Amino acid sequence: MIMFEISLLHYLLLASGIFILGTLGLIFRSRSVPNIFISVQLMIAAICITFIAFSYFNKSLDGQAFTFYILIITAVSVVIGLALVIAAFRKKGLRIFEDQNLIND
């Protein structure tokens, strides 16, 4: 059985692929707010993968701690953004989840 070692290059290629997907989603699919949130989340996940990979290969916990901080801030911002979207829909008097057509693109 041949075992392959996963190197830093593999992690960086994975992170760059995910970052490119998020960038393309932001450029081409930015018609609705959920698409923008998902694309930005993909880009942030790619950055976190890079931080964790460098942290692992440098034998330090700095990148992992910074990634934890980034994910907490990102989760809080998503909750605030979702609350703003729900408040805007309630102010207009529209239903969000009862009508499936509002969720689809």
N, C-alpha and C. Protein backbone atom coordinates (compact mmCIF):
# COMPACT_ATOMS: atom_id res chain seq x y z
N MET A 1 0.84 -1.16 0.00
CA MET A 1 0.00 0.00 0.00
C MET A 1 0.90 1.24 0.00
N ILE A 2 0.61 2.15 -0.90
CA ILE A 2 1.40 3.37 -1.01
C ILE A 2 0.70 4.46 -0.21
N MET A 3 1.43 5.09 0.69
CA MET A 3 0.89 6.17 1.51
C MET A 3 1.43 7.50 0.98
N PHE A 4 0.54 8.42 0.77
CA PHE A 4 0.94 9.74 0.33
C PHE A 4 0.95 10.69 1.51
N GLU A 5 1.95 11.50 1.57
CA GLU A 5 2.04 12.48 2.64
C GLU A 5 1.37 13.77 2.17
N ILE A 6 0.50 14.29 3.01
CA ILE A 6 -0.17 15.54 2.67
C ILE A 6 0.74 16.68 3.11
N SER A 7 1.16 17.46 2.17
CA SER A 7 2.10 18.54 2.46
C SER A 7 1.35 19.88 2.54
N LEU A 8 2.12 20.91 2.81
CA LEU A 8 1.55 22.25 2.88
C LEU A 8 0.97 22.67 1.54
N LEU A 9 1.59 22.22 0.46
CA LEU A 9 1.11 22.57 -0.88
C LEU A 9 -0.31 22.05 -1.11
N HIS A 10 -0.62 20.87 -0.61
CA HIS A 10 -1.97 20.32 -0.77
C HIS A 10 -3.01 21.19 -0.07
N TYR A 11 -2.69 21.62 1.14
CA TYR A 11 -3.61 22.49 1.86
C TYR A 11 -3.77 23.84 1.16
N LEU A 12 -2.69 24.37 0.65
CA LEU A 12 -2.77 25.66 -0.04
C LEU A 12 -3.54 25.54 -1.35
N LEU A 13 -3.39 24.43 -2.06
CA LEU A 13 -4.18 24.22 -3.27
C LEU A 13 -5.67 24.09 -2.96
N LEU A 14 -5.98 23.37 -1.89
CA LEU A 14 -7.38 23.26 -1.47
C LEU A 14 -7.95 24.63 -1.09
N ALA A 15 -7.19 25.38 -0.31
CA ALA A 15 -7.66 26.70 0.12
C ALA A 15 -7.81 27.65 -1.07
N SER A 16 -6.87 27.60 -2.01
CA SER A 16 -6.99 28.50 -3.16
C SER A 16 -8.17 28.10 -4.04
N GLY A 17 -8.46 26.81 -4.17
CA GLY A 17 -9.62 26.38 -4.93
C GLY A 17 -10.92 26.84 -4.30
N ILE A 18 -11.02 26.71 -2.99
CA ILE A 18 -12.22 27.17 -2.29
C ILE A 18 -12.35 28.69 -2.37
N PHE A 19 -11.23 29.39 -2.27
CA PHE A 19 -11.27 30.85 -2.36
C PHE A 19 -11.71 31.30 -3.75
N ILE A 20 -11.24 30.60 -4.78
CA ILE A 20 -11.63 30.94 -6.15
C ILE A 20 -13.12 30.68 -6.36
N LEU A 21 -13.63 29.56 -5.80
CA LEU A 21 -15.07 29.31 -5.89
C LEU A 21 -15.89 30.41 -5.22
N GLY A 22 -15.43 30.86 -4.06
CA GLY A 22 -16.12 31.95 -3.38
C GLY A 22 -16.07 33.24 -4.16
N THR A 23 -14.92 33.52 -4.77
CA THR A 23 -14.78 34.74 -5.57
C THR A 23 -15.67 34.69 -6.80
N LEU A 24 -15.69 33.54 -7.48
CA LEU A 24 -16.55 33.40 -8.66
C LEU A 24 -18.02 33.49 -8.27
N GLY A 25 -18.38 32.93 -7.14
CA GLY A 25 -19.76 33.05 -6.67
C GLY A 25 -20.12 34.49 -6.34
N LEU A 26 -19.17 35.22 -5.82
CA LEU A 26 -19.42 36.63 -5.50
C LEU A 26 -19.54 37.48 -6.77
N ILE A 27 -18.77 37.14 -7.78
CA ILE A 27 -18.80 37.91 -9.03
C ILE A 27 -20.04 37.57 -9.86
N PHE A 28 -20.32 36.28 -10.03
CA PHE A 28 -21.35 35.88 -10.98
C PHE A 28 -22.71 35.62 -10.36
N ARG A 29 -22.79 35.35 -9.07
CA ARG A 29 -24.06 35.01 -8.45
C ARG A 29 -24.43 35.97 -7.32
N SER A 30 -24.13 37.23 -7.48
CA SER A 30 -24.36 38.19 -6.39
C SER A 30 -25.70 38.89 -6.53
N ARG A 31 -26.72 38.17 -6.98
CA ARG A 31 -28.04 38.79 -7.14
C ARG A 31 -28.83 38.82 -5.84
N SER A 32 -28.56 37.91 -4.94
CA SER A 32 -29.34 37.88 -3.70
C SER A 32 -28.41 37.85 -2.49
N VAL A 33 -28.95 38.22 -1.37
CA VAL A 33 -28.17 38.31 -0.14
C VAL A 33 -27.65 36.95 0.32
N PRO A 34 -28.43 35.86 0.27
CA PRO A 34 -27.87 34.57 0.69
C PRO A 34 -26.69 34.11 -0.17
N ASN A 35 -26.73 34.40 -1.46
CA ASN A 35 -25.60 34.03 -2.32
C ASN A 35 -24.35 34.81 -1.94
N ILE A 36 -24.51 36.06 -1.60
CA ILE A 36 -23.36 36.86 -1.18
C ILE A 36 -22.80 36.32 0.13
N PHE A 37 -23.68 36.00 1.09
CA PHE A 37 -23.23 35.44 2.37
C PHE A 37 -22.48 34.13 2.18
N ILE A 38 -23.00 33.25 1.34
CA ILE A 38 -22.36 31.95 1.12
C ILE A 38 -21.00 32.14 0.45
N SER A 39 -20.91 33.04 -0.51
CA SER A 39 -19.64 33.26 -1.20
C SER A 39 -18.59 33.84 -0.25
N VAL A 40 -18.99 34.76 0.58
CA VAL A 40 -18.05 35.34 1.54
C VAL A 40 -17.64 34.29 2.57
N GLN A 41 -18.57 33.44 2.98
CA GLN A 41 -18.24 32.37 3.92
C GLN A 41 -17.23 31.39 3.32
N LEU A 42 -17.37 31.09 2.03
CA LEU A 42 -16.39 30.23 1.37
C LEU A 42 -15.01 30.86 1.36
N MET A 43 -14.96 32.15 1.09
CA MET A 43 -13.67 32.84 1.07
C MET A 43 -13.04 32.86 2.46
N ILE A 44 -13.84 33.08 3.48
CA ILE A 44 -13.32 33.09 4.85
C ILE A 44 -12.87 31.70 5.26
N ALA A 45 -13.60 30.66 4.84
CA ALA A 45 -13.19 29.28 5.15
C ALA A 45 -11.85 28.96 4.50
N ALA A 46 -11.62 29.45 3.29
CA ALA A 46 -10.34 29.21 2.63
C ALA A 46 -9.20 29.91 3.37
N ILE A 47 -9.45 31.09 3.85
CA ILE A 47 -8.43 31.81 4.62
C ILE A 47 -8.13 31.07 5.92
N CYS A 48 -9.17 30.53 6.55
CA CYS A 48 -8.97 29.78 7.79
C CYS A 48 -8.19 28.49 7.55
N ILE A 49 -8.45 27.82 6.43
CA ILE A 49 -7.68 26.62 6.09
C ILE A 49 -6.21 26.97 5.93
N THR A 50 -5.93 28.09 5.31
CA THR A 50 -4.54 28.52 5.13
C THR A 50 -3.89 28.80 6.48
N PHE A 51 -4.59 29.51 7.36
CA PHE A 51 -4.03 29.79 8.69
C PHE A 51 -3.75 28.51 9.47
N ILE A 52 -4.69 27.57 9.41
CA ILE A 52 -4.51 26.32 10.15
C ILE A 52 -3.37 25.50 9.56
N ALA A 53 -3.25 25.48 8.25
CA ALA A 53 -2.16 24.72 7.62
C ALA A 53 -0.80 25.29 8.00
N PHE A 54 -0.66 26.60 7.92
CA PHE A 54 0.62 27.21 8.31
C PHE A 54 0.89 27.00 9.80
N SER A 55 -0.15 27.06 10.61
CA SER A 55 0.01 26.83 12.04
C SER A 55 0.46 25.40 12.32
N TYR A 56 -0.11 24.45 11.61
CA TYR A 56 0.25 23.05 11.82
C TYR A 56 1.69 22.77 11.39
N PHE A 57 2.07 23.28 10.25
CA PHE A 57 3.41 22.98 9.74
C PHE A 57 4.51 23.80 10.43
N ASN A 58 4.15 24.89 11.09
CA ASN A 58 5.13 25.67 11.86
C ASN A 58 5.12 25.28 13.33
N LYS A 59 4.30 24.32 13.70
CA LYS A 59 4.21 23.82 15.08
C LYS A 59 3.88 24.92 16.09
N SER A 60 2.90 25.75 15.72
CA SER A 60 2.46 26.79 16.64
C SER A 60 0.94 26.82 16.65
N LEU A 61 0.38 27.39 17.67
CA LEU A 61 -1.07 27.48 17.80
C LEU A 61 -1.62 28.85 17.44
N ASP A 62 -0.78 29.74 16.97
CA ASP A 62 -1.22 31.10 16.67
C ASP A 62 -2.27 31.13 15.56
N GLY A 63 -2.04 30.38 14.49
CA GLY A 63 -2.98 30.35 13.38
C GLY A 63 -4.31 29.75 13.77
N GLN A 64 -4.28 28.74 14.62
CA GLN A 64 -5.52 28.10 15.05
C GLN A 64 -6.33 29.03 15.96
N ALA A 65 -5.64 29.74 16.83
CA ALA A 65 -6.33 30.70 17.70
C ALA A 65 -6.92 31.84 16.87
N PHE A 66 -6.17 32.31 15.89
CA PHE A 66 -6.66 33.39 15.03
C PHE A 66 -7.85 32.92 14.20
N THR A 67 -7.81 31.67 13.74
CA THR A 67 -8.93 31.10 12.99
C THR A 67 -10.17 31.00 13.87
N PHE A 68 -10.01 30.59 15.11
CA PHE A 68 -11.13 30.52 16.04
C PHE A 68 -11.76 31.89 16.22
N TYR A 69 -10.93 32.91 16.36
CA TYR A 69 -11.42 34.28 16.51
C TYR A 69 -12.16 34.73 15.24
N ILE A 70 -11.61 34.41 14.08
CA ILE A 70 -12.25 34.78 12.82
C ILE A 70 -13.62 34.12 12.68
N LEU A 71 -13.70 32.84 13.03
CA LEU A 71 -14.98 32.14 12.91
C LEU A 71 -16.03 32.67 13.86
N ILE A 72 -15.62 33.09 15.05
CA ILE A 72 -16.58 33.68 15.99
C ILE A 72 -17.10 35.01 15.45
N ILE A 73 -16.20 35.86 14.97
CA ILE A 73 -16.62 37.15 14.42
C ILE A 73 -17.51 36.96 13.19
N THR A 74 -17.18 35.98 12.36
CA THR A 74 -17.98 35.71 11.16
C THR A 74 -19.37 35.22 11.53
N ALA A 75 -19.46 34.35 12.52
CA ALA A 75 -20.77 33.84 12.95
C ALA A 75 -21.64 34.97 13.50
N VAL A 76 -21.04 35.85 14.26
CA VAL A 76 -21.80 36.98 14.81
C VAL A 76 -22.28 37.90 13.68
N SER A 77 -21.43 38.15 12.70
CA SER A 77 -21.83 39.03 11.60
C SER A 77 -22.92 38.40 10.74
N VAL A 78 -22.89 37.09 10.57
CA VAL A 78 -23.95 36.42 9.81
C VAL A 78 -25.28 36.50 10.57
N VAL A 79 -25.24 36.34 11.86
CA VAL A 79 -26.47 36.45 12.65
C VAL A 79 -27.03 37.87 12.57
N ILE A 80 -26.19 38.85 12.65
CA ILE A 80 -26.65 40.24 12.53
C ILE A 80 -27.21 40.52 11.15
N GLY A 81 -26.53 40.02 10.11
CA GLY A 81 -27.03 40.20 8.75
C GLY A 81 -28.36 39.52 8.52
N LEU A 82 -28.51 38.31 9.05
CA LEU A 82 -29.78 37.61 8.92
C LEU A 82 -30.89 38.33 9.67
N ALA A 83 -30.57 38.87 10.83
CA ALA A 83 -31.58 39.63 11.58
C ALA A 83 -32.01 40.88 10.82
N LEU A 84 -31.07 41.53 10.15
CA LEU A 84 -31.42 42.71 9.34
C LEU A 84 -32.31 42.33 8.16
N VAL A 85 -32.01 41.21 7.52
CA VAL A 85 -32.83 40.76 6.39
C VAL A 85 -34.24 40.42 6.86
N ILE A 86 -34.35 39.71 7.98
CA ILE A 86 -35.67 39.36 8.51
C ILE A 86 -36.43 40.61 8.91
N ALA A 87 -35.75 41.58 9.51
CA ALA A 87 -36.42 42.83 9.89
C ALA A 87 -36.90 43.59 8.66
N ALA A 88 -36.12 43.58 7.59
CA ALA A 88 -36.54 44.26 6.36
C ALA A 88 -37.75 43.58 5.74
N PHE A 89 -37.78 42.25 5.76
CA PHE A 89 -38.93 41.55 5.22
C PHE A 89 -40.17 41.77 6.08
N ARG A 90 -40.01 41.83 7.38
CA ARG A 90 -41.16 42.07 8.24
C ARG A 90 -41.69 43.48 8.06
N LYS A 91 -40.79 44.43 7.83
CA LYS A 91 -41.24 45.81 7.64
C LYS A 91 -42.04 45.95 6.35
N LYS A 92 -41.64 45.20 5.31
CA LYS A 92 -42.37 45.24 4.06
C LYS A 92 -43.66 44.43 4.12
N GLY A 93 -43.78 43.57 5.12
CA GLY A 93 -44.97 42.76 5.25
C GLY A 93 -44.92 41.49 4.43
N LEU A 94 -43.74 41.09 4.00
CA LEU A 94 -43.59 39.87 3.21
C LEU A 94 -43.33 38.68 4.11
N ARG A 95 -43.78 37.51 3.68
CA ARG A 95 -43.46 36.28 4.39
C ARG A 95 -42.15 35.74 3.85
N ILE A 96 -41.34 35.20 4.73
CA ILE A 96 -40.04 34.70 4.30
C ILE A 96 -40.09 33.21 4.02
N PHE A 97 -40.57 32.43 4.96
CA PHE A 97 -40.46 30.98 4.83
C PHE A 97 -41.77 30.31 4.42
N GLU A 98 -42.88 31.00 4.48
CA GLU A 98 -44.13 30.38 4.07
C GLU A 98 -44.22 30.28 2.56
N ASP A 99 -43.61 31.20 1.84
CA ASP A 99 -43.66 31.22 0.39
C ASP A 99 -42.31 30.75 -0.16
N GLN A 100 -42.30 29.61 -0.81
CA GLN A 100 -41.03 29.02 -1.30
C GLN A 100 -40.42 29.87 -2.41
N ASN A 101 -41.19 30.64 -3.13
CA ASN A 101 -40.65 31.43 -4.24
C ASN A 101 -39.70 32.52 -3.77
N LEU A 102 -39.85 32.99 -2.54
CA LEU A 102 -38.94 34.00 -2.02
C LEU A 102 -37.55 33.44 -1.73
N ILE A 103 -37.48 32.15 -1.44
CA ILE A 103 -36.19 31.53 -1.11
C ILE A 103 -35.42 31.20 -2.38
N ASN A 104 -36.12 30.81 -3.44
CA ASN A 104 -35.45 30.45 -4.69
C ASN A 104 -34.95 31.69 -5.41
N ASP A 105 -33.96 31.46 -6.30
CA ASP A 105 -33.43 32.58 -7.09
C ASP A 105 -34.36 32.96 -8.21
